[in-house]
Amino acid sequence: MGDFFMKVVVLDGFLAGYGLSGLPLPDTFEIDWYDNTPPEQSIERIGAAEAVYVNRLRLDARVFEACPSLRFAGTFGTGYNMIDLDAARRAGVTICNVPAYSTEAVAQNTISLLLNIASMTHIHNRYVSAGHWTDPTDRALASVPMFELAGKTIGLVGCGDIGTAVGRIAAAFGMQVLAYRRHPDPSAGAHIRFVDLGTLYAQSDIVSLHCPLTPQTRGMISRAAIECMKDGAVLLNTARGGLLCERDVADALDCGKLYMAGLDVLCDEPPAPGSPLARHPRVICTPHISWMPRETRARLLRVAADNLLRYLEGNPQNVIV
């Protein structure tokens, strides 16, 4: 590997880099690391840098037009919906993401949300912490609803690396696993049965989302889709908040059509005070942290740095544009 020099700016690296030692790039790179950047300061902070990294901060046409030195933009994650790809293409900027770095972590949190809903761990913990575990005949304890996962059917909407990992864990719990994917992959495993989306909705006790956010999938979990689901189904979303029509999901929770929802993502993050789901009593919501185990983030930073080095060597990887 040759010796490279490049000015690199990280605009919002707090979540990815917290407790770690930053991008593992050679000392010849000049790195300006910002934990967070207000959008109006993006252009100033990028300046004459040739490479920039973002986690959730938007890079739009205004940024690319004002920063002509940029040659490379990397994401701290798999998603790249925060980048205007057409503007990047016009500016000649290469965009690279980090696929598959968080497969096991996201699958783990998906199942964690499901286990919490099935066993009501959060309610039982509060019960004990509040000092209520004093009477073995307490009706408040006995009335907390719980259910077994064995024998239930989980439907995976999207069955790439993460969906496949969730299916593997679900099968180990004795669940039946259905999946919908535009191009079914037989290598996903014999325990996964691919079906059309209508069949998945109709037969699944739990519907779990693992697809990207695209113009075609935005708002796919709407009133019409929910009406096709079983009464009392559980909805899980650790993919992208925009897959849900949040008001429709809240209405379904209010009337009991959906039993509960386990979410790691919302349409607006952080949620606005009027979010229909963030504080809903039938929602367990985590703050988009499925990807945040220390090992996962260290892997993310290694691949993100390697993306830049491979680009400079003329052998780019994980290229989106």
Protein backbone atom coordinates (compact mmCIF):
# COMPACT_ATOMS: atom_id res chain seq x y z
CA MET A 1 0.00 0.00 0.00
CA GLY A 2 1.41 3.36 -1.02
CA ASP A 3 1.69 6.39 1.23
CA PHE A 4 -1.31 8.64 0.76
CA PHE A 5 -2.03 12.09 2.10
CA MET A 6 -5.57 13.38 2.24
CA LYS A 7 -7.63 15.79 4.27
CA VAL A 8 -10.58 13.86 5.75
CA VAL A 9 -13.55 15.32 7.62
CA VAL A 10 -15.94 13.32 9.80
CA LEU A 11 -19.07 15.41 10.27
CA ASP A 12 -21.13 13.38 12.76
CA GLY A 13 -19.02 10.63 14.23
CA PHE A 14 -20.20 10.58 17.84
CA LEU A 15 -22.34 7.45 17.77
CA ALA A 16 -19.96 5.46 15.57
CA GLY A 17 -16.80 6.48 17.38
CA TYR A 18 -17.82 6.77 21.03
CA GLY A 19 -15.31 4.94 23.23
CA LEU A 20 -13.20 3.91 20.23
CA SER A 21 -10.08 5.45 18.71
CA GLY A 22 -11.54 6.80 15.48
CA LEU A 23 -10.86 5.86 11.87
CA PRO A 24 -7.91 3.45 11.57
CA LEU A 25 -6.15 5.39 8.80
CA PRO A 26 -2.38 5.92 8.44
CA ASP A 27 -0.78 8.92 10.14
CA THR A 28 -0.33 10.58 6.76
CA PHE A 29 -4.05 11.42 6.75
CA GLU A 30 -5.21 14.66 8.33
CA ILE A 31 -8.53 13.90 10.03
CA ASP A 32 -10.91 16.50 11.44
CA TRP A 33 -13.40 14.60 13.58
CA TYR A 34 -16.63 16.28 14.67
CA ASP A 35 -19.05 14.47 16.94
CA ASN A 36 -21.92 16.44 15.48
CA THR A 37 -22.37 19.15 12.85
CA PRO A 38 -25.34 21.47 12.42
CA PRO A 39 -26.43 21.26 8.76
CA GLU A 40 -25.63 24.92 8.18
CA GLN A 41 -21.98 24.28 9.12
CA SER A 42 -21.40 21.29 6.82
CA ILE A 43 -19.91 23.29 3.96
CA GLU A 44 -17.62 25.30 6.21
CA ARG A 45 -16.29 22.21 7.97
CA ILE A 46 -15.73 20.25 4.77
CA GLY A 47 -13.90 23.19 3.22
CA ALA A 48 -11.16 21.95 0.92
CA ALA A 49 -11.26 18.37 2.21
CA GLU A 50 -11.15 15.59 -0.37
CA ALA A 51 -13.01 13.01 1.72
CA VAL A 52 -15.95 13.24 4.08
CA TYR A 53 -17.77 10.73 6.29
CA VAL A 54 -21.33 11.01 7.56
CA ASN A 55 -23.57 8.91 9.74
CA ARG A 56 -26.97 10.59 9.51
CA LEU A 57 -26.16 14.12 8.38
CA ARG A 58 -27.49 14.99 4.95
CA LEU A 59 -25.17 15.67 2.01
CA ASP A 60 -27.26 17.41 -0.62
CA ALA A 61 -26.61 19.20 -3.91
CA ARG A 62 -25.80 22.41 -2.07
CA VAL A 63 -22.92 20.69 -0.26
CA PHE A 64 -21.45 19.05 -3.36
CA GLU A 65 -21.65 22.28 -5.37
CA ALA A 66 -19.96 24.29 -2.62
CA CYS A 67 -17.17 21.75 -1.96
CA PRO A 68 -15.50 21.09 -5.34
CA SER A 69 -12.45 19.42 -3.75
CA LEU A 70 -14.52 16.46 -2.56
CA ARG A 71 -13.63 13.19 -4.27
CA PHE A 72 -14.98 10.63 -1.79
CA ALA A 73 -17.89 10.42 0.64
CA GLY A 74 -18.30 7.48 2.99
CA THR A 75 -21.19 6.49 5.21
CA PHE A 76 -20.89 5.19 8.73
CA GLY A 77 -23.51 2.56 8.00
CA THR A 78 -25.25 0.57 5.33
CA GLY A 79 -27.92 3.14 4.52
CA TYR A 80 -27.13 6.02 2.20
CA ASN A 81 -30.49 7.76 1.93
CA MET A 82 -28.93 10.83 3.58
CA ILE A 83 -26.85 11.47 0.44
CA ASP A 84 -28.17 12.99 -2.78
CA LEU A 85 -26.75 10.39 -5.14
CA ASP A 86 -27.61 12.31 -8.29
CA ALA A 87 -25.79 15.38 -7.00
CA ALA A 88 -22.80 13.24 -6.02
CA ARG A 89 -22.73 11.69 -9.47
CA ARG A 90 -22.81 15.11 -11.14
CA ALA A 91 -19.96 16.27 -8.89
CA GLY A 92 -17.87 13.17 -9.64
CA VAL A 93 -17.81 12.10 -5.98
CA THR A 94 -17.51 8.39 -5.20
CA ILE A 95 -19.95 7.20 -2.51
CA CYS A 96 -19.19 4.08 -0.46
CA ASN A 97 -21.21 2.47 2.29
CA VAL A 98 -20.50 -0.32 4.81
CA PRO A 99 -22.73 -3.33 4.11
CA ALA A 100 -23.27 -6.32 6.38
CA TYR A 101 -21.22 -4.96 9.30
CA SER A 102 -24.16 -5.10 11.75
CA THR A 103 -25.98 -8.26 10.70
CA GLU A 104 -25.71 -10.13 13.99
CA ALA A 105 -26.22 -7.03 16.14
CA VAL A 106 -29.42 -5.96 14.37
CA ALA A 107 -30.75 -9.52 14.41
CA GLN A 108 -29.95 -9.66 18.12
CA ASN A 109 -31.89 -6.47 18.87
CA THR A 110 -34.81 -7.57 16.72
CA ILE A 111 -35.15 -10.75 18.75
CA SER A 112 -34.61 -8.77 21.96
CA LEU A 113 -37.60 -6.58 21.14
CA LEU A 114 -39.67 -9.66 20.37
CA LEU A 115 -38.64 -11.40 23.60
CA ASN A 116 -39.52 -8.29 25.58
CA ILE A 117 -42.98 -8.24 24.03
CA ALA A 118 -43.48 -11.98 24.57
CA SER A 119 -42.28 -12.01 28.18
CA MET A 120 -43.03 -8.40 29.22
CA THR A 121 -39.60 -8.17 30.81
CA HIS A 122 -39.78 -4.39 31.15
CA ILE A 123 -43.05 -4.56 33.11
CA HIS A 124 -41.82 -7.31 35.41
CA ASN A 125 -38.59 -5.42 36.07
CA ARG A 126 -40.54 -2.30 37.07
CA TYR A 127 -42.79 -4.45 39.27
CA VAL A 128 -39.84 -5.82 41.22
CA SER A 129 -37.94 -2.50 41.33
CA ALA A 130 -40.98 -0.76 42.77
CA GLY A 131 -41.11 -3.25 45.65
CA HIS A 132 -44.37 -4.92 44.59
CA TRP A 133 -43.08 -8.52 44.67
CA THR A 134 -44.52 -9.27 48.08
CA ASP A 135 -47.71 -11.28 47.49
CA PRO A 136 -47.69 -14.55 45.49
CA THR A 137 -51.43 -14.09 44.84
CA ASP A 138 -51.10 -10.60 43.40
CA ARG A 139 -53.52 -10.34 40.49
CA ALA A 140 -51.47 -7.47 39.00
CA LEU A 141 -48.61 -9.92 38.50
CA ALA A 142 -50.74 -12.78 37.20
CA SER A 143 -52.58 -10.54 34.73
CA VAL A 144 -49.50 -9.46 32.77
CA PRO A 145 -49.98 -11.12 29.34
CA MET A 146 -47.17 -13.35 28.07
CA PHE A 147 -46.88 -15.83 25.23
CA GLU A 148 -44.52 -18.52 23.94
CA LEU A 149 -42.63 -18.05 20.69
CA ALA A 150 -42.50 -21.77 19.92
CA GLY A 151 -45.15 -22.62 17.35
CA LYS A 152 -45.71 -19.00 16.31
CA THR A 153 -45.09 -17.82 12.74
CA ILE A 154 -42.77 -14.94 11.99
CA GLY A 155 -42.88 -13.25 8.60
CA LEU A 156 -39.72 -11.54 7.34
CA VAL A 157 -40.36 -8.70 4.91
CA GLY A 158 -36.96 -8.62 3.27
CA CYS A 159 -34.60 -11.56 3.60
CA GLY A 160 -31.05 -10.36 3.06
CA ASP A 161 -28.29 -10.91 5.58
CA ILE A 162 -30.22 -9.48 8.55
CA GLY A 163 -33.54 -11.08 7.72
CA THR A 164 -31.83 -14.42 7.22
CA ALA A 165 -30.08 -14.09 10.60
CA VAL A 166 -33.39 -13.27 12.33
CA GLY A 167 -34.97 -16.28 10.64
CA ARG A 168 -32.20 -18.55 11.89
CA ILE A 169 -32.68 -17.39 15.49
CA ALA A 170 -36.47 -17.60 15.23
CA ALA A 171 -36.25 -21.17 13.94
CA ALA A 172 -34.10 -22.05 16.95
CA PHE A 173 -36.99 -20.90 19.16
CA GLY A 174 -39.26 -23.32 17.34
CA MET A 175 -40.99 -20.70 15.20
CA GLN A 176 -42.22 -21.17 11.66
CA VAL A 177 -40.43 -18.73 9.35
CA LEU A 178 -41.99 -17.14 6.28
CA ALA A 179 -40.17 -14.61 4.11
CA TYR A 180 -40.91 -12.27 1.25
CA ARG A 181 -38.18 -11.19 -1.14
CA ARG A 182 -38.42 -10.06 -4.74
CA HIS A 183 -35.80 -12.63 -5.71
CA PRO A 184 -35.94 -15.54 -3.22
CA ASP A 185 -32.56 -16.96 -2.24
CA PRO A 186 -32.55 -20.72 -1.63
CA SER A 187 -29.30 -20.37 0.34
CA ALA A 188 -31.25 -18.61 3.13
CA GLY A 189 -31.92 -22.04 4.59
CA ALA A 190 -34.45 -24.84 4.51
CA HIS A 191 -36.18 -23.42 7.60
CA ILE A 192 -37.32 -20.34 5.62
CA ARG A 193 -40.31 -20.64 3.31
CA PHE A 194 -40.65 -17.87 0.72
CA VAL A 195 -44.19 -16.65 0.04
CA ASP A 196 -45.86 -13.65 -1.53
CA LEU A 197 -46.44 -10.58 0.64
CA GLY A 198 -50.18 -11.13 0.99
CA THR A 199 -49.66 -14.67 2.27
CA LEU A 200 -46.99 -13.48 4.69
CA TYR A 201 -49.28 -10.83 6.17
CA ALA A 202 -52.21 -13.24 6.46
CA GLN A 203 -50.30 -16.09 8.12
CA SER A 204 -47.76 -14.34 10.37
CA ASP A 205 -48.19 -13.82 14.10
CA ILE A 206 -45.17 -11.50 13.98
CA VAL A 207 -44.27 -9.32 10.99
CA SER A 208 -40.64 -8.20 11.01
CA LEU A 209 -39.26 -5.63 8.55
CA HIS A 210 -35.79 -6.02 7.05
CA CYS A 211 -35.97 -4.18 3.73
CA PRO A 212 -34.35 -0.93 2.56
CA LEU A 213 -36.20 2.37 2.38
CA THR A 214 -36.90 3.13 -1.28
CA PRO A 215 -39.64 5.04 -3.09
CA GLN A 216 -41.38 1.67 -3.49
CA THR A 217 -41.18 0.65 0.18
CA ARG A 218 -41.78 4.04 1.83
CA GLY A 219 -44.99 3.82 3.85
CA MET A 220 -45.57 0.18 2.91
CA ILE A 221 -46.99 -0.62 6.36
CA SER A 222 -50.16 1.36 5.84
CA ARG A 223 -53.75 0.88 6.92
CA ALA A 224 -54.33 -1.32 3.88
CA ALA A 225 -51.35 -3.55 4.66
CA ILE A 226 -52.29 -3.84 8.34
CA GLU A 227 -55.82 -4.87 7.42
CA CYS A 228 -54.28 -7.89 5.64
CA MET A 229 -52.51 -9.01 8.84
CA LYS A 230 -53.80 -11.30 11.55
CA ASP A 231 -55.78 -9.68 14.34
CA GLY A 232 -53.40 -9.13 17.24
CA ALA A 233 -50.23 -9.40 15.18
CA VAL A 234 -46.91 -8.05 16.48
CA LEU A 235 -44.97 -5.63 14.28
CA LEU A 236 -41.17 -5.33 14.45
CA ASN A 237 -39.11 -2.70 12.63
CA THR A 238 -35.34 -2.46 12.97
CA ALA A 239 -34.85 -1.38 9.35
CA ARG A 240 -36.00 2.17 8.51
CA GLY A 241 -38.69 4.27 10.14
CA GLY A 242 -40.07 5.47 6.82
CA LEU A 243 -41.37 1.98 6.04
CA LEU A 244 -44.28 2.75 8.36
CA CYS A 245 -47.21 5.09 8.03
CA GLU A 246 -46.85 5.87 11.71
CA ARG A 247 -50.37 7.25 12.23
CA ASP A 248 -51.89 4.10 10.67
CA VAL A 249 -49.76 1.88 12.93
CA ALA A 250 -50.78 3.90 16.00
CA ASP A 251 -54.46 3.59 15.06
CA ALA A 252 -54.06 -0.18 14.65
CA LEU A 253 -52.44 -0.42 18.08
CA ASP A 254 -55.22 1.69 19.61
CA CYS A 255 -57.97 -0.57 18.28
CA GLY A 256 -56.15 -3.85 18.94
CA LYS A 257 -55.66 -4.86 15.30
CA LEU A 258 -51.94 -4.86 16.17
CA TYR A 259 -51.10 -6.23 19.61
CA MET A 260 -47.77 -4.45 20.06
CA ALA A 261 -44.88 -3.03 18.07
CA GLY A 262 -41.15 -3.29 18.74
CA LEU A 263 -39.25 -0.49 17.01
CA ASP A 264 -35.65 0.66 16.79
CA VAL A 265 -36.36 3.28 14.12
CA LEU A 266 -38.85 6.09 13.59
CA CYS A 267 -39.68 8.43 10.74
CA ASP A 268 -38.17 11.38 12.64
CA GLU A 269 -35.12 10.80 14.79
CA PRO A 270 -35.05 12.03 17.49
CA PRO A 271 -38.85 11.93 17.58
CA ALA A 272 -40.86 15.12 17.78
CA PRO A 273 -43.03 15.62 20.90
CA GLY A 274 -46.12 14.65 18.89
CA SER A 275 -44.71 11.36 17.57
CA PRO A 276 -47.60 8.86 17.39
CA LEU A 277 -45.36 5.89 18.25
CA ALA A 278 -42.40 6.97 20.40
CA ARG A 279 -44.46 7.12 23.62
CA HIS A 280 -47.31 4.84 22.67
CA PRO A 281 -48.18 2.46 25.54
CA ARG A 282 -48.20 -0.55 23.21
CA VAL A 283 -44.79 0.20 21.69
CA ILE A 284 -41.35 -0.80 22.91
CA CYS A 285 -38.96 1.61 21.23
CA THR A 286 -35.18 1.78 21.33
CA PRO A 287 -33.31 4.85 19.97
CA HIS A 288 -31.87 3.39 16.74
CA ILE A 289 -29.14 1.49 18.58
CA SER A 290 -29.29 -1.96 16.99
CA TRP A 291 -25.94 -1.25 15.31
CA MET A 292 -24.18 0.09 18.40
CA PRO A 293 -22.45 -2.79 20.21
CA ARG A 294 -18.78 -1.93 20.58
CA GLU A 295 -17.62 -4.78 18.37
CA THR A 296 -20.07 -3.77 15.66
CA ARG A 297 -18.92 -0.15 15.60
CA ALA A 298 -15.24 -1.15 15.57
CA ARG A 299 -15.95 -3.32 12.53
CA LEU A 300 -17.81 -0.42 10.92
CA LEU A 301 -14.87 1.96 11.33
CA ARG A 302 -12.40 -0.60 9.96
CA VAL A 303 -14.45 -1.14 6.81
CA ALA A 304 -15.17 2.58 6.39
CA ALA A 305 -11.45 3.34 6.52
CA ASP A 306 -10.66 0.45 4.17
CA ASN A 307 -13.21 1.84 1.70
CA LEU A 308 -11.17 5.04 1.41
CA LEU A 309 -7.84 3.23 1.13
CA ARG A 310 -9.16 0.90 -1.55
CA TYR A 311 -10.54 3.91 -3.45
CA LEU A 312 -7.14 5.61 -3.37
CA GLU A 313 -5.47 2.43 -4.61
CA GLY A 314 -7.78 2.41 -7.61
CA ASN A 315 -9.59 -0.71 -6.45
CA PRO A 316 -12.75 0.68 -4.81
CA GLN A 317 -15.17 -1.47 -2.86
CA ASN A 318 -18.73 -1.05 -1.60
CA VAL A 319 -19.36 1.63 -4.22
CA ILE A 320 -22.85 3.11 -4.45
CA VAL A 321 -21.96 5.87 -6.94
